[in-house]
Amino acid sequence: MKTCFRENLKLGMCVDIVTKRNQKTGILTRGVIRWILTSKPYHSRGIKVMLSDRSVGRVQHIVEPEENAVATHE
């Protein structure tokens, strides 16, 4: 799983995290990584990060940029 390795995460990357209070429900919070809090290179439940809105949780999914997001103006 890519989200378990610190090397796959970069500041400014858009990710989905699960916060401590939402662990049982599995509700995800989407945001941009402000700080990477886990110092180890690997964590089995996901690397802990703080988002730009100061939410803290473990990364569950990396949001890939849409490849076809080029806007055309006519």
Protein backbone atom coordinates (compact mmCIF):
# COMPACT_ATOMS: atom_id res chain seq x y z
CA MET A 1 0.00 0.00 0.00
CA LYS A 2 1.52 3.32 -1.12
CA THR A 3 0.11 5.24 1.84
CA CYS A 4 2.14 3.21 4.33
CA PHE A 5 5.48 4.53 3.05
CA ARG A 6 6.61 8.05 3.97
CA GLU A 7 8.65 8.38 0.76
CA ASN A 8 5.43 8.37 -1.31
CA LEU A 9 4.04 11.47 0.41
CA LYS A 10 5.10 15.06 -0.25
CA LEU A 11 4.06 18.40 1.21
CA GLY A 12 1.28 19.98 -0.83
CA MET A 13 -0.07 16.62 -2.04
CA CYS A 14 -3.85 16.09 -1.96
CA VAL A 15 -4.86 13.07 0.16
CA ASP A 16 -7.77 11.47 1.99
CA ILE A 17 -7.19 10.83 5.71
CA VAL A 18 -9.13 9.16 8.49
CA THR A 19 -9.12 11.15 11.74
CA LYS A 20 -9.05 9.48 15.15
CA ARG A 21 -12.74 10.18 15.83
CA ASN A 22 -13.77 8.77 12.44
CA GLN A 23 -11.76 5.54 12.62
CA LYS A 24 -14.80 3.43 13.49
CA THR A 25 -17.04 4.98 10.81
CA GLY A 26 -14.35 5.20 8.14
CA ILE A 27 -15.37 8.73 7.11
CA LEU A 28 -12.53 10.32 5.13
CA THR A 29 -11.37 13.93 5.13
CA ARG A 30 -9.79 15.32 1.96
CA GLY A 31 -7.12 17.99 2.05
CA VAL A 32 -3.60 19.11 1.26
CA ILE A 33 -0.64 17.89 3.34
CA ARG A 34 0.83 20.66 5.48
CA TRP A 35 3.11 18.52 7.69
CA ILE A 36 4.13 14.87 7.75
CA LEU A 37 4.00 13.83 11.41
CA THR A 38 5.23 10.20 11.23
CA SER A 39 9.03 10.16 11.30
CA LYS A 40 9.46 6.44 10.53
CA PRO A 41 9.74 5.42 6.86
CA TYR A 42 6.85 2.89 7.20
CA HIS A 43 3.66 2.57 9.27
CA SER A 44 1.25 -0.31 8.76
CA ARG A 45 -1.93 1.77 9.28
CA GLY A 46 -0.81 4.75 7.19
CA ILE A 47 1.46 7.73 7.65
CA LYS A 48 0.10 10.40 10.02
CA VAL A 49 -0.15 13.90 8.54
CA MET A 50 -1.62 17.31 9.30
CA LEU A 51 -3.66 18.91 6.54
CA SER A 52 -3.77 22.61 5.69
CA ASP A 53 -7.02 22.92 7.70
CA ARG A 54 -5.15 21.43 10.71
CA SER A 55 -6.98 18.08 10.61
CA VAL A 56 -4.71 15.25 11.76
CA GLY A 57 -5.06 11.67 10.63
CA ARG A 58 -3.59 8.72 8.79
CA VAL A 59 -3.41 8.77 4.99
CA GLN A 60 -5.81 6.28 3.42
CA HIS A 61 -5.68 7.38 -0.21
CA ILE A 62 -3.55 9.63 -2.40
CA VAL A 63 -5.74 11.74 -4.69
CA GLU A 64 -4.25 11.62 -8.18
CA PRO A 65 -4.58 14.75 -10.34
CA GLU A 66 -7.03 14.28 -13.16
CA GLU A 67 -5.14 13.64 -16.37
CA ASN A 68 -7.79 15.25 -18.55
CA ALA A 69 -8.28 18.39 -16.49
CA VAL A 70 -7.19 20.74 -19.26
CA ALA A 71 -9.86 23.41 -19.70
CA THR A 72 -10.44 24.70 -23.19
CA HIS A 73 -11.95 28.11 -23.83
CA GLU A 74 -13.78 28.82 -27.06
